[in-house]
């Protein structure tokens, strides 16, 4: 006969704590998304910045095609 006793802790483990943290974070993100209106609206400042980058790309096309391509890439992101 073995005299070893197996005890289980009654406290939640780290795994449960991390799982609860992810559930809380996801809930917060869902509520924030819903409060914002469901879709993120594009800011007019972002559109102005995009137009400015595209204009710079057009200006630099003649002397630096690689720079123009990079500017267009960043403007479209």
PDB file of N, CA and C in Angstrom:
ATOM      1  N   UNK A   1       0.835  -1.167   0.000  1.00  0.00           N
ATOM      2  CA  UNK A   1       0.000   0.000   0.000  1.00  0.00           C
ATOM      3  C   UNK A   1       0.889   1.243   0.000  1.00  0.00           C
ATOM      4  N   UNK A   2       0.466   2.240  -0.724  1.00  0.00           N
ATOM      5  CA  UNK A   2       1.246   3.460  -0.874  1.00  0.00           C
ATOM      6  C   UNK A   2       0.653   4.549   0.012  1.00  0.00           C
ATOM      7  N   UNK A   3       1.464   5.278   0.677  1.00  0.00           N
ATOM      8  CA  UNK A   3       0.998   6.337   1.575  1.00  0.00           C
ATOM      9  C   UNK A   3       1.026   7.702   0.914  1.00  0.00           C
ATOM     10  N   UNK A   4       1.326   7.780  -0.380  1.00  0.00           N
ATOM     11  CA  UNK A   4       1.390   9.069  -1.068  1.00  0.00           C
ATOM     12  C   UNK A   4      -0.008   9.642  -1.239  1.00  0.00           C
ATOM     13  N   UNK A   5      -0.115  10.923  -1.045  1.00  0.00           N
ATOM     14  CA  UNK A   5      -1.393  11.608  -1.186  1.00  0.00           C
ATOM     15  C   UNK A   5      -1.278  12.641  -2.314  1.00  0.00           C
ATOM     16  N   UNK A   6      -2.235  12.641  -3.183  1.00  0.00           N
ATOM     17  CA  UNK A   6      -2.259  13.609  -4.274  1.00  0.00           C
ATOM     18  C   UNK A   6      -3.202  14.732  -3.872  1.00  0.00           C
ATOM     19  N   UNK A   7      -2.671  15.934  -3.879  1.00  0.00           N
ATOM     20  CA  UNK A   7      -3.507  17.084  -3.546  1.00  0.00           C
ATOM     21  C   UNK A   7      -3.643  17.971  -4.774  1.00  0.00           C
ATOM     22  N   UNK A   8      -4.795  18.515  -4.948  1.00  0.00           N
ATOM     23  CA  UNK A   8      -5.059  19.441  -6.042  1.00  0.00           C
ATOM     24  C   UNK A   8      -5.322  20.802  -5.445  1.00  0.00           C
ATOM     25  N   UNK A   9      -4.774  21.829  -6.073  1.00  0.00           N
ATOM     26  CA  UNK A   9      -5.017  23.172  -5.566  1.00  0.00           C
ATOM     27  C   UNK A   9      -6.416  23.607  -5.961  1.00  0.00           C
ATOM     28  N   UNK A  10      -7.015  24.382  -5.112  1.00  0.00           N
ATOM     29  CA  UNK A  10      -8.358  24.882  -5.390  1.00  0.00           C
ATOM     30  C   UNK A  10      -8.321  26.225  -6.122  1.00  0.00           C
ATOM     31  N   UNK A  11      -7.139  26.801  -6.206  1.00  0.00           N
ATOM     32  CA  UNK A  11      -6.987  28.088  -6.885  1.00  0.00           C
ATOM     33  C   UNK A  11      -6.873  27.860  -8.387  1.00  0.00           C
ATOM     34  N   UNK A  12      -7.329  28.832  -9.175  1.00  0.00           N
ATOM     35  CA  UNK A  12      -7.151  28.698 -10.622  1.00  0.00           C
ATOM     36  C   UNK A  12      -5.661  28.756 -10.983  1.00  0.00           C
ATOM     37  N   UNK A  13      -5.289  28.020 -11.980  1.00  0.00           N
ATOM     38  CA  UNK A  13      -3.885  27.983 -12.389  1.00  0.00           C
ATOM     39  C   UNK A  13      -3.580  29.161 -13.314  1.00  0.00           C
ATOM     40  N   UNK A  14      -2.325  29.307 -13.663  1.00  0.00           N
ATOM     41  CA  UNK A  14      -1.895  30.360 -14.570  1.00  0.00           C
ATOM     42  C   UNK A  14      -2.589  30.215 -15.923  1.00  0.00           C
ATOM     43  N   UNK A  15      -2.806  28.986 -16.343  1.00  0.00           N
ATOM     44  CA  UNK A  15      -3.497  28.741 -17.611  1.00  0.00           C
ATOM     45  C   UNK A  15      -4.898  29.335 -17.583  1.00  0.00           C
ATOM     46  N   UNK A  16      -5.598  29.182 -16.477  1.00  0.00           N
ATOM     47  CA  UNK A  16      -6.937  29.744 -16.355  1.00  0.00           C
ATOM     48  C   UNK A  16      -6.893  31.273 -16.323  1.00  0.00           C
ATOM     49  N   UNK A  17      -5.885  31.824 -15.649  1.00  0.00           N
ATOM     50  CA  UNK A  17      -5.740  33.275 -15.586  1.00  0.00           C
ATOM     51  C   UNK A  17      -5.485  33.872 -16.963  1.00  0.00           C
ATOM     52  N   UNK A  18      -4.612  33.242 -17.724  1.00  0.00           N
ATOM     53  CA  UNK A  18      -4.304  33.733 -19.070  1.00  0.00           C
ATOM     54  C   UNK A  18      -5.522  33.588 -19.980  1.00  0.00           C
ATOM     55  N   UNK A  19      -6.235  32.490 -19.863  1.00  0.00           N
ATOM     56  CA  UNK A  19      -7.454  32.308 -20.651  1.00  0.00           C
ATOM     57  C   UNK A  19      -8.488  33.374 -20.330  1.00  0.00           C
ATOM     58  N   UNK A  20      -8.646  33.690 -19.049  1.00  0.00           N
ATOM     59  CA  UNK A  20      -9.589  34.735 -18.650  1.00  0.00           C
ATOM     60  C   UNK A  20      -9.149  36.099 -19.173  1.00  0.00           C
ATOM     61  N   UNK A  21      -7.838  36.346 -19.203  1.00  0.00           N
ATOM     62  CA  UNK A  21      -7.326  37.602 -19.733  1.00  0.00           C
ATOM     63  C   UNK A  21      -7.652  37.738 -21.216  1.00  0.00           C
ATOM     64  N   UNK A  22      -7.476  36.666 -21.983  1.00  0.00           N
ATOM     65  CA  UNK A  22      -7.792  36.716 -23.411  1.00  0.00           C
ATOM     66  C   UNK A  22      -9.287  36.923 -23.642  1.00  0.00           C
ATOM     67  N   UNK A  23     -10.118  36.284 -22.851  1.00  0.00           N
ATOM     68  CA  UNK A  23     -11.568  36.467 -22.983  1.00  0.00           C
ATOM     69  C   UNK A  23     -11.938  37.910 -22.693  1.00  0.00           C
ATOM     70  N   UNK A  24     -11.356  38.495 -21.662  1.00  0.00           N
ATOM     71  CA  UNK A  24     -11.632  39.884 -21.303  1.00  0.00           C
ATOM     72  C   UNK A  24     -11.143  40.834 -22.386  1.00  0.00           C
ATOM     73  N   UNK A  25      -9.946  40.601 -22.913  1.00  0.00           N
ATOM     74  CA  UNK A  25      -9.404  41.462 -23.967  1.00  0.00           C
ATOM     75  C   UNK A  25     -10.247  41.379 -25.229  1.00  0.00           C
ATOM     76  N   UNK A  26     -10.681  40.190 -25.585  1.00  0.00           N
ATOM     77  CA  UNK A  26     -11.519  40.047 -26.785  1.00  0.00           C
ATOM     78  C   UNK A  26     -12.858  40.739 -26.593  1.00  0.00           C
ATOM     79  N   UNK A  27     -13.434  40.608 -25.415  1.00  0.00           N
ATOM     80  CA  UNK A  27     -14.698  41.264 -25.125  1.00  0.00           C
ATOM     81  C   UNK A  27     -14.554  42.779 -25.224  1.00  0.00           C
ATOM     82  N   UNK A  28     -13.448  43.296 -24.674  1.00  0.00           N
ATOM     83  CA  UNK A  28     -13.199  44.731 -24.752  1.00  0.00           C
ATOM     84  C   UNK A  28     -13.079  45.188 -26.201  1.00  0.00           C
ATOM     85  N   UNK A  29     -12.342  44.442 -27.010  1.00  0.00           N
ATOM     86  CA  UNK A  29     -12.169  44.801 -28.429  1.00  0.00           C
ATOM     87  C   UNK A  29     -13.499  44.758 -29.173  1.00  0.00           C
ATOM     88  N   UNK A  30     -14.324  43.780 -28.892  1.00  0.00           N
ATOM     89  CA  UNK A  30     -15.634  43.693 -29.537  1.00  0.00           C
ATOM     90  C   UNK A  30     -16.506  44.879 -29.149  1.00  0.00           C
ATOM     91  N   UNK A  31     -16.483  45.253 -27.882  1.00  0.00           N
ATOM     92  CA  UNK A  31     -17.275  46.398 -27.437  1.00  0.00           C
ATOM     93  C   UNK A  31     -16.766  47.693 -28.048  1.00  0.00           C
ATOM     94  N   UNK A  32     -15.457  47.829 -28.151  1.00  0.00           N
ATOM     95  CA  UNK A  32     -14.879  49.019 -28.763  1.00  0.00           C
ATOM     96  C   UNK A  32     -15.238  49.104 -30.237  1.00  0.00           C
ATOM     97  N   UNK A  33     -15.175  47.983 -30.926  1.00  0.00           N
ATOM     98  CA  UNK A  33     -15.523  47.933 -32.343  1.00  0.00           C
ATOM     99  C   UNK A  33     -16.988  48.299 -32.544  1.00  0.00           C
ATOM    100  N   UNK A  34     -17.869  47.770 -31.683  1.00  0.00           N
ATOM    101  CA  UNK A  34     -19.295  48.060 -31.775  1.00  0.00           C
ATOM    102  C   UNK A  34     -19.572  49.527 -31.464  1.00  0.00           C
ATOM    103  N   UNK A  35     -18.898  50.067 -30.448  1.00  0.00           N
ATOM    104  CA  UNK A  35     -19.107  51.466 -30.073  1.00  0.00           C
ATOM    105  C   UNK A  35     -18.634  52.410 -31.164  1.00  0.00           C
ATOM    106  N   UNK A  36     -17.655  51.979 -31.938  1.00  0.00           N
ATOM    107  CA  UNK A  36     -17.132  52.836 -33.008  1.00  0.00           C
ATOM    108  C   UNK A  36     -18.069  52.855 -34.211  1.00  0.00           C
ATOM    109  N   UNK A  37     -18.980  51.948 -34.274  1.00  0.00           N
ATOM    110  CA  UNK A  37     -19.908  51.915 -35.389  1.00  0.00           C
ATOM    111  C   UNK A  37     -19.741  50.702 -36.265  1.00  0.00           C
ATOM    112  N   UNK A  38     -18.890  49.801 -35.913  1.00  0.00           N
ATOM    113  CA  UNK A  38     -18.743  48.568 -36.668  1.00  0.00           C
ATOM    114  C   UNK A  38     -17.620  48.601 -37.680  1.00  0.00           C
ATOM    115  N   UNK A  39     -17.445  49.684 -38.372  1.00  0.00           N
ATOM    116  CA  UNK A  39     -16.371  49.801 -39.356  1.00  0.00           C
ATOM    117  C   UNK A  39     -15.584  51.041 -39.037  1.00  0.00           C
ATOM    118  N   UNK A  40     -14.296  50.969 -39.266  1.00  0.00           N
ATOM    119  CA  UNK A  40     -13.451  52.118 -39.010  1.00  0.00           C
ATOM    120  C   UNK A  40     -13.537  53.077 -40.193  1.00  0.00           C
ATOM    121  N   UNK A  41     -13.919  54.296 -39.910  1.00  0.00           N
ATOM    122  CA  UNK A  41     -14.042  55.312 -40.954  1.00  0.00           C
ATOM    123  C   UNK A  41     -12.657  55.854 -41.279  1.00  0.00           C
ATOM    124  N   UNK A  42     -12.436  56.158 -42.527  1.00  0.00           N
ATOM    125  CA  UNK A  42     -11.162  56.750 -42.927  1.00  0.00           C
ATOM    126  C   UNK A  42     -11.158  58.212 -42.541  1.00  0.00           C
ATOM    127  N   UNK A  43     -10.089  58.609 -41.958  1.00  0.00           N
ATOM    128  CA  UNK A  43      -9.934  59.986 -41.531  1.00  0.00           C
ATOM    129  C   UNK A  43      -9.541  60.837 -42.738  1.00  0.00           C
ATOM    130  N   UNK A  44     -10.054  62.054 -42.800  1.00  0.00           N
ATOM    131  CA  UNK A  44      -9.735  62.925 -43.927  1.00  0.00           C
ATOM    132  C   UNK A  44      -8.247  63.267 -43.941  1.00  0.00           C
ATOM    133  N   UNK A  45      -7.612  63.313 -42.756  1.00  0.00           N
ATOM    134  CA  UNK A  45      -6.170  63.567 -42.699  1.00  0.00           C
ATOM    135  C   UNK A  45      -5.398  62.439 -43.362  1.00  0.00           C
ATOM    136  N   UNK A  46      -5.873  61.212 -43.211  1.00  0.00           N
ATOM    137  CA  UNK A  46      -5.215  60.079 -43.846  1.00  0.00           C
ATOM    138  C   UNK A  46      -5.326  60.187 -45.362  1.00  0.00           C
ATOM    139  N   UNK A  47      -6.481  60.592 -45.838  1.00  0.00           N
ATOM    140  CA  UNK A  47      -6.665  60.745 -47.280  1.00  0.00           C
ATOM    141  C   UNK A  47      -5.779  61.865 -47.826  1.00  0.00           C
ATOM    142  N   UNK A  48      -5.641  62.952 -47.064  1.00  0.00           N
ATOM    143  CA  UNK A  48      -4.779  64.055 -47.501  1.00  0.00           C
ATOM    144  C   UNK A  48      -3.320  63.592 -47.533  1.00  0.00           C
ATOM    145  N   UNK A  49      -2.901  62.827 -46.541  1.00  0.00           N
ATOM    146  CA  UNK A  49      -1.539  62.296 -46.521  1.00  0.00           C
ATOM    147  C   UNK A  49      -1.285  61.352 -47.678  1.00  0.00           C
ATOM    148  N   UNK A  50      -2.296  60.554 -48.009  1.00  0.00           N
ATOM    149  CA  UNK A  50      -2.161  59.631 -49.146  1.00  0.00           C
ATOM    150  C   UNK A  50      -2.007  60.399 -50.453  1.00  0.00           C
ATOM    151  N   UNK A  51      -2.825  61.441 -50.627  1.00  0.00           N
ATOM    152  CA  UNK A  51      -2.718  62.259 -51.846  1.00  0.00           C
ATOM    153  C   UNK A  51      -1.347  62.935 -51.935  1.00  0.00           C
ATOM    154  N   UNK A  52      -0.833  63.408 -50.792  1.00  0.00           N
ATOM    155  CA  UNK A  52       0.469  64.061 -50.780  1.00  0.00           C
ATOM    156  C   UNK A  52       1.572  63.081 -51.157  1.00  0.00           C
ATOM    157  N   UNK A  53       1.496  61.851 -50.636  1.00  0.00           N
ATOM    158  CA  UNK A  53       2.514  60.848 -50.986  1.00  0.00           C
ATOM    159  C   UNK A  53       2.448  60.485 -52.466  1.00  0.00           C
ATOM    160  N   UNK A  54       1.251  60.389 -53.003  1.00  0.00           N
ATOM    161  CA  UNK A  54       1.118  60.084 -54.424  1.00  0.00           C
ATOM    162  C   UNK A  54       1.641  61.231 -55.279  1.00  0.00           C
ATOM    163  N   UNK A  55       1.437  62.480 -54.831  1.00  0.00           N
ATOM    164  CA  UNK A  55       1.967  63.634 -55.556  1.00  0.00           C
ATOM    165  C   UNK A  55       3.493  63.624 -55.519  1.00  0.00           C
ATOM    166  N   UNK A  56       4.083  63.307 -54.372  1.00  0.00           N
ATOM    167  CA  UNK A  56       5.540  63.206 -54.286  1.00  0.00           C
ATOM    168  C   UNK A  56       6.074  62.091 -55.177  1.00  0.00           C
ATOM    169  N   UNK A  57       5.321  61.001 -55.264  1.00  0.00           N
ATOM    170  CA  UNK A  57       5.734  59.898 -56.135  1.00  0.00           C
ATOM    171  C   UNK A  57       5.740  60.337 -57.590  1.00  0.00           C
ATOM    172  N   UNK A  58       4.731  61.095 -57.967  1.00  0.00           N
ATOM    173  CA  UNK A  58       4.675  61.579 -59.351  1.00  0.00           C
ATOM    174  C   UNK A  58       5.836  62.532 -59.647  1.00  0.00           C
ATOM    175  N   UNK A  59       6.189  63.382 -58.683  1.00  0.00           N
ATOM    176  CA  UNK A  59       7.300  64.322 -58.876  1.00  0.00           C
ATOM    177  C   UNK A  59       8.643  63.605 -58.970  1.00  0.00           C
ATOM    178  N   UNK A  60       8.818  62.539 -58.210  1.00  0.00           N
ATOM    179  CA  UNK A  60      10.118  61.862 -58.161  1.00  0.00           C
ATOM    180  C   UNK A  60      10.250  60.760 -59.206  1.00  0.00           C
ATOM    181  N   UNK A  61       9.240  60.529 -59.994  1.00  0.00           N
ATOM    182  CA  UNK A  61       9.273  59.447 -60.992  1.00  0.00           C
ATOM    183  C   UNK A  61      10.408  59.630 -61.987  1.00  0.00           C
ATOM    184  N   UNK A  62      10.677  60.859 -62.410  1.00  0.00           N
ATOM    185  CA  UNK A  62      11.685  61.103 -63.439  1.00  0.00           C
ATOM    186  C   UNK A  62      13.107  60.834 -62.930  1.00  0.00           C
ATOM    187  N   UNK A  63      13.422  61.245 -61.714  1.00  0.00           N
ATOM    188  CA  UNK A  63      14.804  61.117 -61.244  1.00  0.00           C
ATOM    189  C   UNK A  63      15.041  59.906 -60.343  1.00  0.00           C
ATOM    190  N   UNK A  64      13.952  59.312 -59.783  1.00  0.00           N
ATOM    191  CA  UNK A  64      14.142  58.148 -58.912  1.00  0.00           C
ATOM    192  C   UNK A  64      12.902  57.244 -58.971  1.00  0.00           C
ATOM    193  N   UNK A  65      12.855  56.369 -59.967  1.00  0.00           N
ATOM    194  CA  UNK A  65      11.698  55.486 -60.102  1.00  0.00           C
ATOM    195  C   UNK A  65      11.501  54.552 -58.896  1.00  0.00           C
ATOM    196  N   UNK A  66      12.595  54.119 -58.267  1.00  0.00           N
ATOM    197  CA  UNK A  66      12.464  53.245 -57.099  1.00  0.00           C
ATOM    198  C   UNK A  66      11.814  53.973 -55.930  1.00  0.00           C
ATOM    199  N   UNK A  67      12.221  55.231 -55.723  1.00  0.00           N
ATOM    200  CA  UNK A  67      11.620  56.028 -54.658  1.00  0.00           C
ATOM    201  C   UNK A  67      10.139  56.245 -54.939  1.00  0.00           C
ATOM    202  N   UNK A  68       9.793  56.506 -56.185  1.00  0.00           N
ATOM    203  CA  UNK A  68       8.392  56.709 -56.553  1.00  0.00           C
ATOM    204  C   UNK A  68       7.576  55.442 -56.283  1.00  0.00           C
ATOM    205  N   UNK A  69       8.145  54.300 -56.597  1.00  0.00           N
ATOM    206  CA  UNK A  69       7.440  53.035 -56.343  1.00  0.00           C
ATOM    207  C   UNK A  69       7.230  52.818 -54.853  1.00  0.00           C
ATOM    208  N   UNK A  70       8.255  53.133 -54.050  1.00  0.00           N
ATOM    209  CA  UNK A  70       8.127  52.996 -52.592  1.00  0.00           C
ATOM    210  C   UNK A  70       7.055  53.932 -52.046  1.00  0.00           C
ATOM    211  N   UNK A  71       7.040  55.168 -52.524  1.00  0.00           N
ATOM    212  CA  UNK A  71       6.033  56.127 -52.054  1.00  0.00           C
ATOM    213  C   UNK A  71       4.625  55.666 -52.414  1.00  0.00           C
ATOM    214  N   UNK A  72       4.450  55.144 -53.612  1.00  0.00           N
ATOM    215  CA  UNK A  72       3.130  54.630 -53.999  1.00  0.00           C
ATOM    216  C   UNK A  72       2.733  53.442 -53.140  1.00  0.00           C
ATOM    217  N   UNK A  73       3.712  52.588 -52.842  1.00  0.00           N
ATOM    218  CA  UNK A  73       3.444  51.415 -51.999  1.00  0.00           C
ATOM    219  C   UNK A  73       2.964  51.855 -50.614  1.00  0.00           C
ATOM    220  N   UNK A  74       3.664  52.806 -49.988  1.00  0.00           N
ATOM    221  CA  UNK A  74       3.279  53.275 -48.668  1.00  0.00           C
ATOM    222  C   UNK A  74       1.974  54.043 -48.695  1.00  0.00           C
ATOM    223  N   UNK A  75       1.701  54.752 -49.765  1.00  0.00           N
ATOM    224  CA  UNK A  75       0.443  55.505 -49.866  1.00  0.00           C
ATOM    225  C   UNK A  75      -0.755  54.568 -49.960  1.00  0.00           C
ATOM    226  N   UNK A  76      -0.550  53.408 -50.553  1.00  0.00           N
ATOM    227  CA  UNK A  76      -1.656  52.459 -50.713  1.00  0.00           C
ATOM    228  C   UNK A  76      -1.838  51.539 -49.525  1.00  0.00           C
ATOM    229  N   UNK A  77      -0.994  51.622 -48.547  1.00  0.00           N
ATOM    230  CA  UNK A  77      -1.134  50.778 -47.350  1.00  0.00           C
ATOM    231  C   UNK A  77      -2.041  51.401 -46.352  1.00  0.00           C
TER     232      UNK A  77
END
